[in-house]
Amino acid sequence: MKITIYQIIPELDQHRLMFMPLSYFQKAGYPSPPAEIYESVFYGETEVTTLEEIYRIFNRKDEADTRYLEKIGFTGHSMSVSDIVEVQDSSGESHFYFCDTFGFPQISFQKERTMLPVQNHDYISYEQVSRSKSGYLAYMDNSGISIHPCIQVQLQRCKYSQCQLGYRLRYREKEGIPARQREFLERPVVLLFEDTLGPAPENLWYHSPKPSVWISRHPAHSPLNLKLVEEWCQSQNITYEYL
């Protein structure tokens, strides 16, 4: 049986689909798994005849399994839920199967949209700003605008085989605690400003026409929210910069 195994690339998994069943994909708005966040981790001829046998082979159990899979060219993690198996029949036609919580339902899958094989998932230094005094950083993510204290911040991008894709923002809030990090598919807009008046006040984004009523000035994901922070820095004579 000639097969190809596809797994989700961690850096591109913005909606946390990895290791989730097919029902989760569908509830998240994906009628079929999004091929653009998958990569091929194995391609070859096997002697097995069922998908269950494929699972037993590629689901690592011990060190011996690991050595064997490395020998045959398997570069992924232990086979699990959310993986996709492509099976080519004798005529060369492909059929795709989703590794679900129970069984392998057949799915549609646009393999031509998958990423080229990734050589590594390490990050290379892209840009770095170190601070000798306290400050704050503001950025937009899936939850809207986030503002955090920081003494050091670093923006890195992910190294792929054929292209550069994916960014990681690392920042340290204060000495003696581990750095925090966020990952982005596209280069994030990050605003750094000095710590003179504390973090930007929330009433930049909300106004209150009457007590206990708060109304958003802009949608949560609007870049105008970050623009409000910049304008606030200007009005307060606070030094700021974009990373």
Protein backbone atom coordinates (compact mmCIF):
# COMPACT_ATOMS: atom_id res chain seq x y z
CA MET A 1 0.00 0.00 0.00
CA LYS A 2 1.44 3.37 -1.03
CA ILE A 3 0.66 6.02 1.57
CA THR A 4 1.40 9.60 2.56
CA ILE A 5 0.90 10.85 6.12
CA TYR A 6 0.11 14.50 6.77
CA GLN A 7 0.33 16.28 10.13
CA ILE A 8 -0.48 19.80 11.27
CA ILE A 9 2.43 22.26 11.45
CA PRO A 10 2.46 23.63 15.03
CA GLU A 11 3.43 27.19 14.01
CA LEU A 12 0.43 27.44 11.68
CA ASP A 13 -2.11 25.95 14.08
CA GLN A 14 -3.75 29.25 14.99
CA HIS A 15 -7.07 27.62 15.94
CA ARG A 16 -5.60 24.76 17.99
CA LEU A 17 -6.82 21.99 15.70
CA MET A 18 -3.93 19.62 16.35
CA PHE A 19 -5.02 16.42 18.12
CA MET A 20 -8.69 17.39 17.78
CA PRO A 21 -11.39 15.08 16.33
CA LEU A 22 -13.11 15.74 13.04
CA SER A 23 -16.24 17.01 14.82
CA TYR A 24 -14.14 19.81 16.36
CA PHE A 25 -12.94 20.89 12.90
CA GLN A 26 -16.53 21.06 11.70
CA LYS A 27 -17.68 23.06 14.73
CA ALA A 28 -14.78 25.45 14.08
CA GLY A 29 -16.11 26.08 10.58
CA TYR A 30 -14.00 23.63 8.56
CA PRO A 31 -16.10 21.20 6.51
CA SER A 32 -12.80 19.47 5.68
CA PRO A 33 -9.35 19.87 7.30
CA PRO A 34 -7.50 22.99 6.02
CA ALA A 35 -4.66 21.54 3.92
CA GLU A 36 -2.60 24.75 4.08
CA ILE A 37 -1.62 24.07 7.71
CA TYR A 38 -0.54 20.46 7.03
CA GLU A 39 2.77 19.03 5.83
CA SER A 40 3.80 15.60 4.59
CA VAL A 41 5.81 13.67 7.20
CA PHE A 42 5.98 10.33 5.39
CA TYR A 43 5.67 8.99 1.87
CA GLY A 44 6.37 5.42 0.87
CA GLU A 45 5.29 1.88 0.16
CA THR A 46 4.12 -0.25 3.10
CA GLU A 47 3.22 -3.91 3.41
CA VAL A 48 0.12 -3.26 5.48
CA THR A 49 -3.40 -3.56 4.10
CA THR A 50 -5.53 -1.61 6.60
CA LEU A 51 -5.54 1.85 8.16
CA GLU A 52 -5.52 0.29 11.64
CA GLU A 53 -2.21 -1.42 10.79
CA ILE A 54 -0.81 1.92 9.61
CA TYR A 55 -1.79 3.43 12.94
CA ARG A 56 -0.08 0.64 14.90
CA ILE A 57 3.15 1.13 12.92
CA PHE A 58 3.31 4.93 13.14
CA ASN A 59 2.04 5.28 16.69
CA ARG A 60 5.36 5.13 18.52
CA LYS A 61 5.43 3.01 21.65
CA ASP A 62 9.09 2.80 22.57
CA GLU A 63 12.66 3.56 21.51
CA ALA A 64 12.72 0.65 19.06
CA ASP A 65 9.67 2.06 17.24
CA THR A 66 11.33 5.47 17.09
CA ARG A 67 14.51 4.07 15.54
CA TYR A 68 12.52 2.10 12.97
CA LEU A 69 10.37 5.07 11.93
CA GLU A 70 13.42 7.30 11.60
CA LYS A 71 15.04 4.64 9.43
CA ILE A 72 12.12 4.57 6.98
CA GLY A 73 11.97 8.37 6.78
CA PHE A 74 9.09 9.24 9.10
CA THR A 75 9.67 12.78 10.41
CA GLY A 76 6.48 13.44 12.37
CA HIS A 77 5.22 12.93 15.88
CA SER A 78 3.58 9.71 16.98
CA MET A 79 0.52 9.20 14.82
CA SER A 80 -2.54 10.64 16.49
CA VAL A 81 -5.94 12.28 16.08
CA SER A 82 -6.02 15.03 13.39
CA ASP A 83 -3.43 13.26 11.19
CA ILE A 84 -4.44 12.46 7.62
CA VAL A 85 -3.52 9.36 5.61
CA GLU A 86 -3.50 9.41 1.82
CA VAL A 87 -3.83 5.99 0.23
CA GLN A 88 -3.11 5.49 -3.47
CA ASP A 89 -4.91 2.62 -5.13
CA SER A 90 -3.54 0.48 -7.98
CA SER A 91 -4.76 3.01 -10.56
CA GLY A 92 -2.92 5.85 -8.82
CA GLU A 93 -6.07 7.51 -7.50
CA SER A 94 -5.79 8.98 -4.01
CA HIS A 95 -8.21 8.58 -1.12
CA PHE A 96 -7.85 10.54 2.12
CA TYR A 97 -8.69 9.35 5.63
CA PHE A 98 -8.80 11.34 8.87
CA CYS A 99 -7.38 9.76 12.02
CA ASP A 100 -10.32 10.35 14.34
CA THR A 101 -10.96 9.44 17.95
CA PHE A 102 -12.45 6.20 16.67
CA GLY A 103 -11.73 5.00 13.15
CA PHE A 104 -10.68 6.67 9.91
CA PRO A 105 -13.55 8.48 8.17
CA GLN A 106 -12.90 9.31 4.51
CA ILE A 107 -12.61 13.04 3.81
CA SER A 108 -11.88 15.47 1.00
CA PHE A 109 -8.42 17.00 1.20
CA GLN A 110 -6.64 19.45 -1.14
CA LYS A 111 -3.13 18.04 -0.87
CA GLU A 112 -1.80 20.52 -3.43
CA ARG A 113 -2.31 23.22 -0.81
CA THR A 114 -0.17 21.55 1.86
CA MET A 115 3.11 23.15 2.90
CA LEU A 116 6.36 21.91 1.46
CA PRO A 117 8.16 19.66 3.98
CA VAL A 118 9.59 21.70 6.82
CA GLN A 119 13.29 21.14 7.49
CA ASN A 120 12.93 22.24 11.09
CA HIS A 121 10.57 24.06 13.39
CA ASP A 122 13.22 26.26 14.98
CA TYR A 123 13.11 30.03 14.99
CA ILE A 124 15.84 32.28 13.65
CA SER A 125 16.48 35.68 15.19
CA TYR A 126 14.74 38.38 13.20
CA GLU A 127 14.65 41.46 15.35
CA GLN A 128 15.40 42.20 18.95
CA VAL A 129 14.99 45.17 21.23
CA SER A 130 16.37 45.04 24.77
CA ARG A 131 15.29 47.51 27.42
CA SER A 132 17.27 48.72 30.39
CA LYS A 133 14.20 50.35 31.94
CA SER A 134 10.62 49.19 32.33
CA GLY A 135 8.06 49.69 29.61
CA TYR A 136 4.99 48.19 28.01
CA LEU A 137 4.18 46.42 24.78
CA ALA A 138 0.87 46.38 22.96
CA TYR A 139 -0.15 44.00 20.17
CA MET A 140 -3.24 42.55 18.49
CA ASP A 141 -4.12 38.85 18.62
CA ASN A 142 -7.26 36.70 18.29
CA SER A 143 -8.59 38.12 21.55
CA GLY A 144 -8.14 41.74 20.55
CA ILE A 145 -5.58 44.14 21.96
CA SER A 146 -3.17 42.99 24.68
CA ILE A 147 -0.90 45.19 26.78
CA HIS A 148 1.83 43.82 29.04
CA PRO A 149 4.75 45.24 31.03
CA CYS A 150 8.12 44.22 29.60
CA ILE A 151 11.82 44.77 30.11
CA GLN A 152 12.89 42.80 27.04
CA VAL A 153 11.14 41.87 23.82
CA GLN A 154 12.16 39.81 20.83
CA LEU A 155 10.43 39.14 17.52
CA GLN A 156 11.51 35.99 15.67
CA ARG A 157 10.32 34.36 12.50
CA CYS A 158 10.06 30.68 11.67
CA LYS A 159 12.49 29.06 9.23
CA TYR A 160 10.96 26.84 6.54
CA SER A 161 12.52 24.99 3.65
CA GLN A 162 11.19 27.10 0.79
CA CYS A 163 9.88 30.23 2.47
CA GLN A 164 9.76 32.25 5.66
CA LEU A 165 6.43 31.94 7.40
CA GLY A 166 5.28 32.42 10.97
CA TYR A 167 6.42 34.72 13.79
CA ARG A 168 6.96 34.37 17.51
CA LEU A 169 6.84 37.28 19.94
CA ARG A 170 8.78 36.69 23.17
CA TYR A 171 8.81 39.16 26.03
CA ARG A 172 9.91 39.21 29.65
CA GLU A 173 7.74 41.15 32.07
CA LYS A 174 10.33 41.43 34.84
CA GLU A 175 13.55 39.90 36.06
CA GLY A 176 13.39 36.43 37.55
CA ILE A 177 10.34 35.15 35.71
CA PRO A 178 10.21 33.11 32.47
CA ALA A 179 9.59 34.88 29.19
CA ARG A 180 6.09 34.78 27.75
CA GLN A 181 5.45 34.16 24.07
CA ARG A 182 2.77 34.40 21.38
CA GLU A 183 2.86 32.95 17.86
CA PHE A 184 1.42 34.54 14.73
CA LEU A 185 0.92 33.45 11.15
CA GLU A 186 1.71 36.95 9.85
CA ARG A 187 4.13 39.55 11.16
CA PRO A 188 2.36 41.20 14.13
CA VAL A 189 2.24 44.93 14.73
CA VAL A 190 3.89 45.52 18.10
CA LEU A 191 3.94 48.91 19.83
CA LEU A 192 6.45 49.57 22.64
CA PHE A 193 6.09 52.54 24.98
CA GLU A 194 7.83 53.82 28.09
CA ASP A 195 6.56 53.23 31.60
CA THR A 196 5.75 56.76 32.74
CA LEU A 197 2.03 56.62 33.45
CA GLY A 198 1.52 52.86 33.62
CA PRO A 199 -0.39 50.87 31.00
CA ALA A 200 -2.71 52.64 28.59
CA PRO A 201 -6.15 53.07 30.23
CA GLU A 202 -9.01 50.86 29.10
CA ASN A 203 -11.24 53.88 28.49
CA LEU A 204 -9.28 54.30 25.28
CA TRP A 205 -11.37 51.45 23.84
CA TYR A 206 -14.57 51.86 25.82
CA HIS A 207 -16.78 54.80 26.68
CA SER A 208 -19.49 54.88 29.31
CA PRO A 209 -22.56 56.98 28.47
CA LYS A 210 -23.99 56.09 31.88
CA PRO A 211 -22.80 54.21 34.99
CA SER A 212 -22.11 50.46 34.59
CA VAL A 213 -22.55 50.66 30.81
CA TRP A 214 -19.44 50.20 28.68
CA ILE A 215 -19.53 50.46 24.90
CA SER A 216 -16.64 49.51 22.62
CA ARG A 217 -15.38 52.35 20.43
CA HIS A 218 -14.10 49.90 17.79
CA PRO A 219 -14.56 46.15 17.18
CA ALA A 220 -12.24 44.04 19.33
CA HIS A 221 -10.05 42.99 16.38
CA SER A 222 -9.86 46.44 14.78
CA PRO A 223 -6.31 47.79 14.27
CA LEU A 224 -7.77 51.17 15.25
CA ASN A 225 -7.50 50.01 18.88
CA LEU A 226 -3.72 49.93 18.56
CA LYS A 227 -3.85 53.32 16.86
CA LEU A 228 -5.60 54.68 19.95
CA VAL A 229 -2.62 53.61 22.08
CA GLU A 230 -0.27 55.46 19.73
CA GLU A 231 -2.42 58.60 19.91
CA TRP A 232 -2.53 58.32 23.71
CA CYS A 233 1.29 58.13 23.83
CA GLN A 234 1.48 61.25 21.68
CA SER A 235 -1.00 63.15 23.88
CA GLN A 236 0.95 62.21 27.04
CA ASN A 237 4.40 62.87 25.51
CA ILE A 238 5.32 59.21 26.06
CA THR A 239 8.15 57.83 23.95
CA TYR A 240 7.00 54.91 21.78
CA GLU A 241 8.16 52.86 18.84
CA TYR A 242 6.92 50.05 16.60
CA LEU A 243 8.90 46.81 16.53
